[in-house]
Amino acid sequence: MAAAVERIVVQATPQDKQAIVAKARKLEIPISELMRRAAFAYEPAQTDAELAALADAARRAADRACQAIDDALDFIAESNRRIAAMEGGGGQDSTGRPAG
């Protein structure tokens, strides 16, 4: 393995730095080795695929919710028409209230 001679500066919050330092100490490896291992272990494609699947599921759920709302509004409108007919056919005004 070639000697590591290139420097990469990584900005972190004080809390993140403290956590990274603690993890490196616990593993008894230099911080640079910890950061290299973490960088090479990171697999964004898997994360992206999982996020895409989650987004698709959320989109399908939202579509079902919208359809359920539309169905409920249609049911309510039909119910209001039946009630208006039973009450003498007065109908509704533009706000959906019985015309009077």
Foldseek 3Di string as FASTA:
>chain_A
DDDDDDDDDDDDDPVVVVVLVVVCVVVVHDSVVVVVVVVVVDDVVVVVVVVVVVVVVVVVVVVVVVVVVVVVVVVVVVVLCVVCVVVPVQAADPVSHRHD
